[in-house]
Amino acid sequence: MYYCYLCKCEKDASEFSLGQIINPTAGTCSRIYRKCKACKNAESRAYSARNKDVIAARMKKYHQAFPARVNHQTAKYRIKRLARLVPWANEFFISEAYDLAILREKATGFKWEVDHIIPITHKLVCGLHVENNLQVIPATENIRKRNRFEII
């Protein structure tokens, strides 16, 4: 039995989260947090409710400061859902493509997008989210291309 210092109750160990501490003599071992999971979740929800505006402002600032990273993370999430992100993909070059789209947008004044040369969702072919299947093209061209794949 363990004691939660927030709700002041004794509870079973399964109702507490485990944290990792490094013990140099015995290697890595676990320790139990002093707050039970229910109290920790309630505390987190209360913090989010109290600081909704602060959290939203922080997220907005992050999105403005790192638009390429946000675009890359959004695309990565979407691609992973579609199971098209492969372990051998070079994350550096993929993120560079998204950075290049932002730089071209600032330099030219119109929108650029990262496009998959071979579409990742097509009835005939299945492209992958890898660096050699990406191209940075103007948004108007990407819209015009749609989901087409032309055999050369």
Protein backbone atom coordinates (compact mmCIF):
# COMPACT_ATOMS: atom_id res chain seq x y z
CA MET A 1 0.00 0.00 0.00
CA TYR A 2 1.18 3.49 -0.90
CA TYR A 3 0.12 6.91 0.33
CA CYS A 4 -1.03 9.69 -2.04
CA TYR A 5 -0.13 13.06 -0.54
CA LEU A 6 -2.89 14.89 -2.49
CA CYS A 7 -5.97 12.85 -1.66
CA LYS A 8 -4.39 11.58 1.57
CA CYS A 9 -5.43 7.97 0.96
CA GLU A 10 -3.61 4.69 0.97
CA LYS A 11 -3.91 2.94 -2.36
CA ASP A 12 -2.55 -0.09 -4.16
CA ALA A 13 0.69 0.30 -6.14
CA SER A 14 -1.18 -0.23 -9.42
CA GLU A 15 -2.94 3.12 -8.87
CA PHE A 16 0.38 5.00 -9.02
CA SER A 17 2.61 5.83 -12.01
CA LEU A 18 6.15 4.55 -12.13
CA GLY A 19 9.05 6.93 -12.68
CA GLN A 20 12.56 5.99 -13.69
CA ILE A 21 15.52 6.86 -11.50
CA ILE A 22 19.08 5.89 -12.22
CA ASN A 23 20.85 4.07 -9.47
CA PRO A 24 24.57 3.82 -10.33
CA THR A 25 25.14 0.70 -8.24
CA ALA A 26 22.09 -1.28 -9.35
CA GLY A 27 21.47 0.19 -12.81
CA THR A 28 18.10 1.70 -13.68
CA CYS A 29 15.28 1.03 -11.25
CA SER A 30 11.72 2.23 -10.78
CA ARG A 31 10.19 4.38 -8.11
CA ILE A 32 6.56 5.20 -7.48
CA TYR A 33 5.36 8.80 -7.77
CA ARG A 34 3.86 10.42 -4.65
CA LYS A 35 0.58 11.27 -6.44
CA CYS A 36 -1.89 8.61 -7.55
CA LYS A 37 -2.94 8.52 -11.23
CA ALA A 38 -6.40 9.92 -10.49
CA CYS A 39 -5.02 12.92 -8.56
CA LYS A 40 -2.32 13.52 -11.18
CA ASN A 41 -4.91 13.51 -14.00
CA ALA A 42 -7.25 15.81 -12.07
CA GLU A 43 -4.36 18.19 -11.35
CA SER A 44 -3.40 18.21 -15.05
CA ARG A 45 -6.99 18.91 -16.16
CA ALA A 46 -7.31 21.71 -13.61
CA TYR A 47 -4.03 23.29 -14.79
CA SER A 48 -5.20 23.12 -18.43
CA ALA A 49 -8.56 24.70 -17.54
CA ARG A 50 -6.93 27.51 -15.51
CA ASN A 51 -4.27 28.27 -18.13
CA LYS A 52 -6.18 27.70 -21.37
CA ASP A 53 -5.21 31.11 -22.78
CA VAL A 54 -1.56 30.74 -21.80
CA ILE A 55 -1.34 27.29 -23.38
CA ALA A 56 -3.05 28.50 -26.58
CA ALA A 57 -0.69 31.49 -26.80
CA ARG A 58 2.32 29.22 -26.26
CA MET A 59 1.15 26.87 -29.02
CA LYS A 60 0.48 29.79 -31.39
CA LYS A 61 3.94 31.20 -30.72
CA TYR A 62 5.50 27.77 -31.37
CA HIS A 63 3.56 27.38 -34.64
CA GLN A 64 4.69 30.84 -35.79
CA ALA A 65 8.31 30.28 -34.77
CA PHE A 66 8.65 26.83 -36.35
CA PRO A 67 6.16 26.55 -39.25
CA ALA A 68 8.31 24.09 -41.19
CA ARG A 69 8.65 21.82 -38.16
CA VAL A 70 4.91 21.93 -37.53
CA ASN A 71 4.20 21.17 -41.20
CA HIS A 72 6.69 18.32 -41.10
CA GLN A 73 5.19 16.89 -37.90
CA THR A 74 1.66 17.16 -39.30
CA ALA A 75 2.64 15.44 -42.53
CA LYS A 76 4.59 12.79 -40.61
CA TYR A 77 1.56 12.04 -38.45
CA ARG A 78 -0.71 11.79 -41.50
CA ILE A 79 1.75 9.58 -43.38
CA LYS A 80 2.34 7.34 -40.39
CA ARG A 81 -1.38 6.79 -40.14
CA LEU A 82 -1.32 5.64 -43.70
CA ALA A 83 1.66 3.37 -42.96
CA ARG A 84 3.77 5.01 -45.64
CA LEU A 85 6.60 6.27 -43.46
CA VAL A 86 9.39 3.73 -43.68
CA PRO A 87 12.19 3.28 -41.16
CA TRP A 88 14.94 3.93 -43.73
CA ALA A 89 13.59 7.39 -44.65
CA ASN A 90 16.07 10.18 -44.00
CA GLU A 91 14.28 12.52 -41.59
CA PHE A 92 16.84 15.28 -42.15
CA PHE A 93 16.23 15.56 -45.90
CA ILE A 94 12.48 15.30 -45.45
CA SER A 95 12.46 18.18 -42.96
CA GLU A 96 14.76 20.13 -45.33
CA ALA A 97 12.08 19.87 -48.03
CA TYR A 98 9.55 21.47 -45.68
CA ASP A 99 12.09 24.17 -44.75
CA LEU A 100 12.70 24.84 -48.44
CA ALA A 101 8.97 25.32 -49.03
CA ILE A 102 8.86 27.97 -46.29
CA LEU A 103 11.97 29.73 -47.64
CA ARG A 104 10.62 29.80 -51.19
CA GLU A 105 7.32 31.17 -49.91
CA LYS A 106 9.12 34.03 -48.15
CA ALA A 107 11.33 34.74 -51.18
CA THR A 108 8.66 34.66 -53.87
CA GLY A 109 5.58 35.82 -52.00
CA PHE A 110 3.33 32.94 -53.04
CA LYS A 111 2.64 29.56 -51.45
CA TRP A 112 4.86 26.53 -52.05
CA GLU A 113 4.05 22.97 -50.96
CA VAL A 114 5.86 19.69 -50.55
CA ASP A 115 4.41 17.21 -53.01
CA HIS A 116 4.80 13.45 -53.37
CA ILE A 117 5.98 12.65 -56.90
CA ILE A 118 4.39 9.21 -56.70
CA PRO A 119 1.13 9.67 -54.77
CA ILE A 120 0.89 7.86 -51.47
CA THR A 121 -2.82 7.16 -51.88
CA HIS A 122 -3.61 6.02 -55.40
CA LYS A 123 -5.50 3.05 -56.75
CA LEU A 124 -2.65 1.97 -59.09
CA VAL A 125 0.56 2.89 -57.26
CA CYS A 126 1.75 3.29 -53.70
CA GLY A 127 4.39 5.93 -53.09
CA LEU A 128 6.34 6.25 -49.86
CA HIS A 129 7.08 9.24 -47.67
CA VAL A 130 10.81 9.25 -48.39
CA GLU A 131 13.13 12.06 -49.43
CA ASN A 132 13.47 10.99 -53.08
CA ASN A 133 9.68 10.96 -53.53
CA LEU A 134 9.28 14.59 -52.45
CA GLN A 135 9.39 17.76 -54.52
CA VAL A 136 8.78 21.39 -53.60
CA ILE A 137 6.39 22.96 -56.10
CA PRO A 138 4.05 25.96 -56.16
CA ALA A 139 0.71 25.30 -54.46
CA THR A 140 -1.16 26.04 -57.70
CA GLU A 141 0.78 23.26 -59.46
CA ASN A 142 0.13 20.87 -56.59
CA ILE A 143 -3.61 21.64 -56.74
CA ARG A 144 -3.57 21.16 -60.51
CA LYS A 145 -1.71 17.84 -60.17
CA ARG A 146 -4.23 16.50 -57.63
CA ASN A 147 -3.66 12.80 -56.97
CA ARG A 148 -2.62 11.91 -60.52
CA PHE A 149 0.28 9.71 -61.44
CA GLU A 150 1.64 9.90 -64.96
CA ILE A 151 3.75 7.05 -66.31
CA ILE A 152 6.71 8.45 -68.19
